Protein backbone atom coordinates (compact mmCIF):
# COMPACT_ATOMS: atom_id res chain seq x y z
CA UNK A 1 2.08 -4.04 7.62
CA UNK A 2 0.70 -4.19 4.15
CA UNK A 3 -0.57 -1.13 2.52
CA UNK A 4 -4.34 -1.12 3.12
CA UNK A 5 -7.42 -0.20 1.12
CA UNK A 6 -10.86 -0.06 2.69
CA UNK A 7 -14.33 1.00 1.62
CA UNK A 8 -15.56 1.51 5.16
CA UNK A 9 -16.73 4.81 6.63
CA UNK A 10 -14.48 7.83 6.97
CA UNK A 11 -12.18 8.66 9.85
CA UNK A 12 -14.99 10.02 12.06
CA UNK A 13 -16.98 6.82 12.19
CA UNK A 14 -18.97 6.09 15.40
CA UNK A 15 -17.30 4.24 18.28
CA UNK A 16 -17.31 0.46 18.48
CA UNK A 17 -20.72 -0.97 19.28
CA UNK A 18 -21.78 -4.36 20.50
CA UNK A 19 -25.07 -5.56 19.06
CA UNK A 20 -26.93 -8.52 20.47
CA UNK A 21 -28.53 -10.70 17.80
CA UNK A 22 -31.00 -13.21 19.23
CA UNK A 23 -30.82 -16.79 18.00
CA UNK A 24 -33.56 -19.34 18.61
CA UNK A 25 -32.24 -22.84 19.36
CA UNK A 26 -34.51 -25.84 19.92
CA UNK A 27 -33.57 -27.91 22.95
CA UNK A 28 -35.61 -31.01 23.91
CA UNK A 29 -38.79 -29.77 22.30
CA UNK A 30 -38.46 -26.38 23.96
CA UNK A 31 -36.78 -23.22 22.88
CA UNK A 32 -33.64 -21.66 24.31
CA UNK A 33 -33.00 -18.01 23.50
CA UNK A 34 -29.30 -17.29 22.99
CA UNK A 35 -27.47 -14.17 21.97
CA UNK A 36 -24.70 -13.90 19.43
CA UNK A 37 -22.56 -10.81 19.92
CA UNK A 38 -21.26 -9.07 16.85
CA UNK A 39 -18.53 -6.44 17.22
CA UNK A 40 -18.77 -3.61 14.75
CA UNK A 41 -15.31 -2.06 14.50
CA UNK A 42 -15.06 1.55 13.46
CA UNK A 43 -12.13 2.87 11.47
CA UNK A 44 -9.76 4.60 13.89
CA UNK A 45 -9.27 8.34 13.71
CA UNK A 46 -6.38 9.29 11.42
CA UNK A 47 -3.04 10.05 13.05
CA UNK A 48 -2.86 13.57 14.41
CA UNK A 49 0.12 15.88 14.13
CA UNK A 50 -1.03 17.74 17.24
CA UNK A 51 -0.63 14.99 19.82
CA UNK A 52 1.75 12.11 20.58
CA UNK A 53 0.69 8.75 19.22
CA UNK A 54 1.96 5.27 18.44
CA UNK A 55 4.31 5.62 15.40
CA UNK A 56 3.72 2.01 14.36
CA UNK A 57 -0.04 2.53 14.39
CA UNK A 58 0.41 5.82 12.52
CA UNK A 59 2.48 4.08 9.86
CA UNK A 60 -0.06 1.28 9.43
CA UNK A 61 -3.08 3.58 9.38
CA UNK A 62 -5.54 2.38 6.73
CA UNK A 63 -6.51 5.42 4.66
CA UNK A 64 -10.26 5.21 3.85
CA UNK A 65 -10.49 4.61 0.11
CA UNK A 66 -13.35 4.68 -2.37
CA UNK A 67 -13.32 2.77 -5.63
CA UNK A 68 -13.11 5.08 -8.63
CA UNK A 69 -12.55 3.19 -11.85
CA UNK A 70 -11.07 0.01 -13.32
CA UNK A 71 -8.00 -0.66 -15.44
CA UNK A 72 -6.71 -3.98 -16.80
CA UNK A 73 -3.72 -6.26 -16.96
CA UNK A 74 -2.29 -7.24 -20.34
CA UNK A 75 -4.61 -10.26 -20.45
CA UNK A 76 -7.70 -8.14 -19.77
CA UNK A 77 -8.10 -8.95 -16.08
CA UNK A 78 -9.86 -6.02 -14.33
CA UNK A 79 -7.96 -4.24 -11.57
CA UNK A 80 -10.00 -1.75 -9.49
CA UNK A 81 -8.40 1.54 -8.51
CA UNK A 82 -9.12 3.65 -5.44
CA UNK A 83 -8.82 7.23 -4.26
CA UNK A 84 -8.86 8.62 -0.71
CA UNK A 85 -12.20 9.79 0.68
CA UNK A 86 -10.67 12.66 2.65
CA UNK A 87 -7.07 13.26 1.53
CA UNK A 88 -4.92 14.96 4.15
CA UNK A 89 -2.54 17.80 3.33
CA UNK A 90 1.22 17.97 3.78
CA UNK A 91 0.91 20.27 6.81
CA UNK A 92 -0.85 17.43 8.61
CA UNK A 93 1.15 14.51 7.20
CA UNK A 94 4.74 15.78 7.38
CA UNK A 95 5.07 15.94 11.21
CA UNK A 96 3.56 12.47 11.54
CA UNK A 97 5.94 11.12 8.91
CA UNK A 98 8.89 12.63 10.78
CA UNK A 99 7.81 10.86 13.98
CA UNK A 100 7.48 7.54 12.16
CA UNK A 101 10.91 7.78 10.52
CA UNK A 102 12.56 8.67 13.82
CA UNK A 103 10.86 5.82 15.67
CA UNK A 104 12.03 3.30 13.04
CA UNK A 105 15.57 4.68 13.11
CA UNK A 106 15.37 5.62 9.44
CA UNK A 107 15.66 9.41 9.68
CA UNK A 108 18.79 10.45 7.80
CA UNK A 109 19.28 6.98 6.31
CA UNK A 110 16.77 7.25 3.47
CA UNK A 111 16.19 9.98 0.90
CA UNK A 112 12.68 11.37 0.52
CA UNK A 113 12.08 11.91 -3.19
CA UNK A 114 8.46 13.08 -2.90
CA UNK A 115 6.38 14.24 0.09
CA UNK A 116 3.79 12.29 2.03
CA UNK A 117 0.44 11.97 0.28
CA UNK A 118 -2.78 9.99 0.61
CA UNK A 119 -3.06 9.95 -3.21
CA UNK A 120 -1.62 6.45 -3.64
CA UNK A 121 -0.02 3.51 -1.90
CA UNK A 122 3.16 1.70 -2.93
CA UNK A 123 1.45 -0.54 -5.51
CA UNK A 124 -0.37 2.46 -6.95
CA UNK A 125 2.97 4.23 -7.25
CA UNK A 126 4.43 1.34 -9.26
CA UNK A 127 1.46 0.22 -11.38
CA UNK A 128 -0.91 3.23 -11.46
CA UNK A 129 1.47 6.16 -11.98
CA UNK A 130 1.34 7.29 -8.35
CA UNK A 131 -2.24 8.55 -8.77
CA UNK A 132 -4.35 5.73 -7.31
CA UNK A 133 -4.42 2.96 -4.72
CA UNK A 134 -4.04 -0.66 -5.83
CA UNK A 135 -4.93 -3.34 -3.31
CA UNK A 136 -2.10 -5.77 -2.42
CA UNK A 137 -4.22 -8.79 -3.32
CA UNK A 138 -4.09 -7.81 -7.02
CA UNK A 139 -0.30 -7.56 -7.27
CA UNK A 140 0.19 -11.29 -7.86
CA UNK A 141 -2.30 -11.17 -10.75
CA UNK A 142 -0.53 -8.16 -12.25
CA UNK A 143 2.85 -9.89 -12.10
CA UNK A 144 1.42 -13.04 -13.69
CA UNK A 145 -0.60 -11.37 -16.45
CA UNK A 146 2.01 -8.77 -17.40
CA UNK A 147 4.81 -11.27 -17.95
CA UNK A 148 6.93 -10.71 -14.86
CA UNK A 149 9.34 -13.41 -13.81
CA UNK A 150 11.87 -13.68 -10.95
CA UNK A 151 15.15 -11.85 -11.60
CA UNK A 152 18.21 -13.18 -9.79
CA UNK A 153 20.35 -10.30 -11.07
CA UNK A 154 18.39 -7.10 -10.37
CA UNK A 155 18.73 -4.21 -12.81
CA UNK A 156 17.43 -0.65 -12.77
CA UNK A 157 13.78 -0.71 -13.78
CA UNK A 158 13.04 -4.10 -12.21
CA UNK A 159 10.35 -4.43 -9.55
CA UNK A 160 10.98 -5.53 -5.98
CA UNK A 161 8.17 -7.17 -4.01
CA UNK A 162 8.32 -7.55 -0.22
CA UNK A 163 6.52 -10.34 1.60
CA UNK A 164 5.27 -10.68 5.17
CA UNK A 165 3.62 -13.17 7.50
CA UNK A 166 4.29 -16.92 7.45
CA UNK A 167 2.13 -17.29 4.32
CA UNK A 168 4.24 -14.65 2.50
CA UNK A 169 1.47 -12.16 1.89
CA UNK A 170 2.53 -9.39 -0.47
CA UNK A 171 3.19 -6.30 1.65
CA UNK A 172 5.05 -3.78 -0.45
CA UNK A 173 6.48 -3.06 -3.89
CA UNK A 174 8.98 -0.65 -5.40
CA UNK A 175 11.20 -0.03 -8.42
CA UNK A 176 14.95 -0.74 -8.57
CA UNK A 177 16.84 2.47 -9.34
CA UNK A 178 20.54 1.63 -9.00
CA UNK A 179 22.68 -1.49 -8.64
CA UNK A 180 26.37 -1.53 -7.80
CA UNK A 181 29.05 -2.27 -5.20
CA UNK A 182 26.93 -5.06 -3.79
CA UNK A 183 24.00 -2.73 -3.08
CA UNK A 184 20.57 -2.35 -4.62
CA UNK A 185 18.80 1.01 -4.32
CA UNK A 186 15.02 1.06 -4.55
CA UNK A 187 12.43 3.80 -4.91
CA UNK A 188 9.10 3.11 -3.23
CA UNK A 189 6.15 4.84 -1.60
CA UNK A 190 5.58 3.91 2.03
CA UNK A 191 1.81 3.62 2.48
CA UNK A 192 0.47 7.20 2.95
CA UNK A 193 4.00 8.47 3.53
CA UNK A 194 6.38 9.88 0.97
CA UNK A 195 8.34 8.25 -1.84
CA UNK A 196 11.76 7.19 -0.57
CA UNK A 197 14.99 6.08 -2.17
CA UNK A 198 16.63 3.48 0.02
CA UNK A 199 18.73 0.35 0.05
CA UNK A 200 16.59 -2.70 -0.55
CA UNK A 201 17.22 -3.92 3.02
CA UNK A 202 16.65 -0.51 4.62
CA UNK A 203 12.89 -0.03 4.99
CA UNK A 204 10.06 -0.86 7.40
CA UNK A 205 9.06 -3.85 5.23
CA UNK A 206 11.69 -6.37 6.24
CA UNK A 207 14.14 -8.40 4.18
CA UNK A 208 11.91 -11.06 2.62
CA UNK A 209 11.76 -9.83 -0.97
CA UNK A 210 12.13 -10.91 -4.60
CA UNK A 211 12.99 -9.02 -7.77
CA UNK A 212 10.84 -9.31 -10.90
CA UNK A 213 11.38 -8.36 -14.54
CA UNK A 214 9.09 -8.17 -17.55
CA UNK A 215 9.88 -7.66 -21.26
CA UNK A 216 7.00 -5.19 -21.54
CA UNK A 217 7.84 -1.45 -21.68
CA UNK A 218 7.16 0.04 -18.26
CA UNK A 219 4.93 -1.08 -15.42
CA UNK A 220 1.71 0.88 -15.86
CA UNK A 221 -1.61 -0.96 -16.15
CA UNK A 222 -3.61 -0.85 -19.37
CA UNK A 223 -6.32 1.81 -19.64
CA UNK A 224 -4.85 4.22 -17.12
CA UNK A 225 -6.12 7.67 -18.01
CA UNK A 226 -4.17 10.89 -17.68
CA UNK A 227 -0.47 11.38 -17.06
CA UNK A 228 1.79 9.83 -14.42
CA UNK A 229 2.62 11.69 -11.22
CA UNK A 230 5.23 14.34 -12.22
CA UNK A 231 7.93 12.57 -10.22
CA UNK A 232 7.09 9.09 -11.43
CA UNK A 233 9.78 7.41 -13.55
CA UNK A 234 7.41 6.74 -16.42
CA UNK A 235 6.53 10.41 -16.74
CA UNK A 236 9.98 10.71 -18.35
CA UNK A 237 10.18 7.20 -19.75
CA UNK A 238 12.97 6.20 -17.35
CA UNK A 239 11.64 2.73 -16.65
CA UNK A 240 14.80 0.75 -17.22
CA UNK A 241 13.50 -1.42 -20.08
């Protein structure tokens, strides 16, 4: 269920094709012609607000992304950023988001802080000011290089990272906003969907998570140009550190 980034073709790619690639294999001094079949998978069409669809598939839809520029961790490690090839508007995204929330039983249980947008994924919301996509595979490097360590006592401003699969692949990240009465409230962007405020256990990303804290001021990567998304915490300096 991880947020996805791909450099493949756009949403109107051709249908799946099967291409036969001949291989020549020597058998007993002769030649046997075999065929190896290679499946070329096209990116599925984006979810449509005009027709019923599978909410789980809609939620997991991999927005086609192109690489734009590169920023760095505090140790100088390059982190590529991405932007959507064909960003969809709120008129198209909002009805699909409503279907997804209802299907997951989350409608009315979480607070939408900002509308659905293809502009960033969850990691881009945390580390790239809500303006870019950051691939999940780079999150571990960011945590390591920027001085994050596990936090047993979460505080506002800490990061929460959700894991999935038996090998604990990083799926999702968010920022702790409030702690009290035995509850931890998190703000996070759900793939192409909106930014939601929710209890840490109340999301589509499961309950396998850890909190992280760093002594550095804020979470943004080094070399990020421009200003944070207007609703992003670091646009007002409210990063909790």
